[in-house]
Amino acid sequence: QVQVMESGGGLVQPGGSLRLSCVASGSIVSIVTGGWYRRAPGKQRELVARITTGGSTTYADSVRGRFTISRDNAENTVYLQMNSLKPEDTAVYYCNAIIPALRGLAEYWGQGTQVTVSS
């Protein structure tokens, strides 16, 4: 079995920073693609950032230049450094991990971590 767990959420003032971590554990060899998604109240879930095995990254326009996604392949961990946070970044942030499976790839989600940006 594979478990994906996020950590690092919390309450921060506008302009502040947070670093989210996502660890994949269990029957796992590596994370092929790691991603962060978020769901704000009353809105649909959206992609925040994604990183591939080779280190290629994708960002939502709303976070580009403020957020940085990175990974530690040896630790099967994906990070999201969030700087210059805004109230509109308030959401539950979910980690998504695409991992090699017996037949192809499998997708796993974490349970989510709350990020609240408020003064």
Protein backbone atom coordinates (compact mmCIF):
# COMPACT_ATOMS: atom_id res chain seq x y z
CA GLN A 1 0.00 0.00 0.00
CA VAL A 2 0.99 3.60 -0.59
CA GLN A 3 0.30 6.50 1.72
CA VAL A 4 0.61 10.16 0.81
CA MET A 5 0.67 12.67 3.63
CA GLU A 6 0.90 16.45 3.61
CA SER A 7 2.15 18.70 6.37
CA GLY A 8 3.07 22.33 6.89
CA GLY A 9 -0.25 24.11 6.59
CA GLY A 10 -1.42 26.73 9.03
CA LEU A 11 -2.43 30.32 9.59
CA VAL A 12 -0.21 33.06 8.18
CA GLN A 13 -0.53 36.79 7.65
CA PRO A 14 -0.67 38.28 4.15
CA GLY A 15 2.83 38.58 2.77
CA GLY A 16 4.04 35.67 4.85
CA SER A 17 5.45 32.30 3.85
CA LEU A 18 4.73 28.64 4.41
CA ARG A 19 6.38 25.46 3.25
CA LEU A 20 4.26 22.40 2.55
CA SER A 21 5.71 18.91 2.47
CA CYS A 22 4.30 15.76 0.91
CA VAL A 23 5.77 12.38 1.74
CA ALA A 24 4.89 9.19 -0.10
CA SER A 25 5.54 6.00 1.83
CA GLY A 26 4.78 2.28 1.70
CA SER A 27 5.21 0.10 -1.35
CA ILE A 28 6.79 2.82 -3.43
CA VAL A 29 9.87 3.02 -5.59
CA SER A 30 9.63 6.63 -6.68
CA ILE A 31 7.29 9.50 -7.42
CA VAL A 32 7.03 10.00 -11.18
CA THR A 33 5.11 13.25 -11.01
CA GLY A 34 4.28 15.16 -7.85
CA GLY A 35 1.71 17.90 -7.74
CA TRP A 36 -0.05 20.30 -5.43
CA TYR A 37 -3.70 21.16 -5.88
CA ARG A 38 -5.99 23.34 -3.82
CA ARG A 39 -9.67 23.81 -3.20
CA ALA A 40 -10.92 27.10 -1.86
CA PRO A 41 -14.37 27.40 -0.27
CA GLY A 42 -17.04 27.39 -2.94
CA LYS A 43 -14.57 26.72 -5.74
CA GLN A 44 -13.40 23.74 -7.72
CA ARG A 45 -10.09 22.06 -7.09
CA GLU A 46 -7.30 23.57 -9.17
CA LEU A 47 -3.73 22.71 -10.01
CA VAL A 48 -1.22 24.86 -8.15
CA ALA A 49 2.08 23.33 -9.26
CA ARG A 50 3.49 20.10 -10.66
CA ILE A 51 6.98 18.65 -10.98
CA THR A 52 8.14 15.72 -13.10
CA THR A 53 10.86 13.18 -12.52
CA GLY A 54 13.25 15.25 -14.58
CA GLY A 55 12.47 18.41 -12.65
CA SER A 56 10.22 20.13 -15.18
CA THR A 57 7.70 22.34 -13.42
CA THR A 58 4.28 23.76 -14.16
CA TYR A 59 2.60 26.55 -12.20
CA ALA A 60 -0.82 28.13 -12.12
CA ASP A 61 -0.68 31.72 -13.35
CA SER A 62 -1.96 32.92 -9.99
CA VAL A 63 1.06 31.56 -8.09
CA ARG A 64 3.88 31.82 -10.62
CA GLY A 65 6.75 33.82 -9.18
CA ARG A 66 5.53 33.37 -5.61
CA PHE A 67 5.42 29.59 -5.17
CA THR A 68 8.19 27.09 -5.85
CA ILE A 69 7.75 23.34 -6.14
CA SER A 70 10.70 21.05 -5.55
CA ARG A 71 11.39 17.41 -4.80
CA ASP A 72 13.75 15.12 -2.94
CA ASN A 73 13.79 11.87 -4.87
CA ALA A 74 15.76 10.00 -2.22
CA GLU A 75 13.08 10.82 0.37
CA ASN A 76 10.06 10.52 -1.98
CA THR A 77 9.07 13.99 -0.89
CA VAL A 78 7.64 16.95 -2.77
CA TYR A 79 7.72 20.46 -1.35
CA LEU A 80 5.79 23.64 -2.04
CA GLN A 81 7.43 26.84 -0.87
CA MET A 82 4.81 29.57 -0.74
CA ASN A 83 5.96 33.18 -0.44
CA SER A 84 4.12 36.50 -0.56
CA LEU A 85 0.93 34.76 0.43
CA LYS A 86 -2.38 36.45 -0.27
CA PRO A 87 -5.82 35.95 1.28
CA GLU A 88 -6.95 34.37 -2.00
CA ASP A 89 -4.41 31.58 -1.43
CA THR A 90 -6.58 30.36 1.44
CA ALA A 91 -7.61 26.80 0.64
CA VAL A 92 -7.12 23.15 1.48
CA TYR A 93 -3.97 22.04 -0.30
CA TYR A 94 -3.74 18.47 -1.55
CA CYS A 95 -0.73 16.51 -2.65
CA ASN A 96 -1.01 14.31 -5.71
CA ALA A 97 1.56 11.61 -6.44
CA ILE A 98 1.79 9.51 -9.59
CA ILE A 99 3.73 6.37 -8.81
CA PRO A 100 4.76 3.30 -10.82
CA ALA A 101 2.34 0.42 -10.26
CA LEU A 102 2.20 -3.21 -11.26
CA ARG A 103 0.61 -2.25 -14.56
CA GLY A 104 1.51 1.27 -15.49
CA LEU A 105 1.01 4.19 -13.13
CA ALA A 106 -1.20 4.79 -10.12
CA GLU A 107 -2.40 8.08 -8.68
CA TYR A 108 -2.61 8.83 -4.97
CA TRP A 109 -3.96 11.78 -3.01
CA GLY A 110 -3.21 13.03 0.45
CA GLN A 111 -5.91 14.03 2.91
CA GLY A 112 -5.18 17.74 2.54
CA THR A 113 -3.72 20.47 4.72
CA GLN A 114 -5.43 23.78 5.46
CA VAL A 115 -3.69 27.02 4.54
CA THR A 116 -5.31 30.20 5.83
CA VAL A 117 -3.97 33.63 4.92
CA SER A 118 -5.51 36.29 7.11
CA SER A 119 -4.56 39.25 9.24
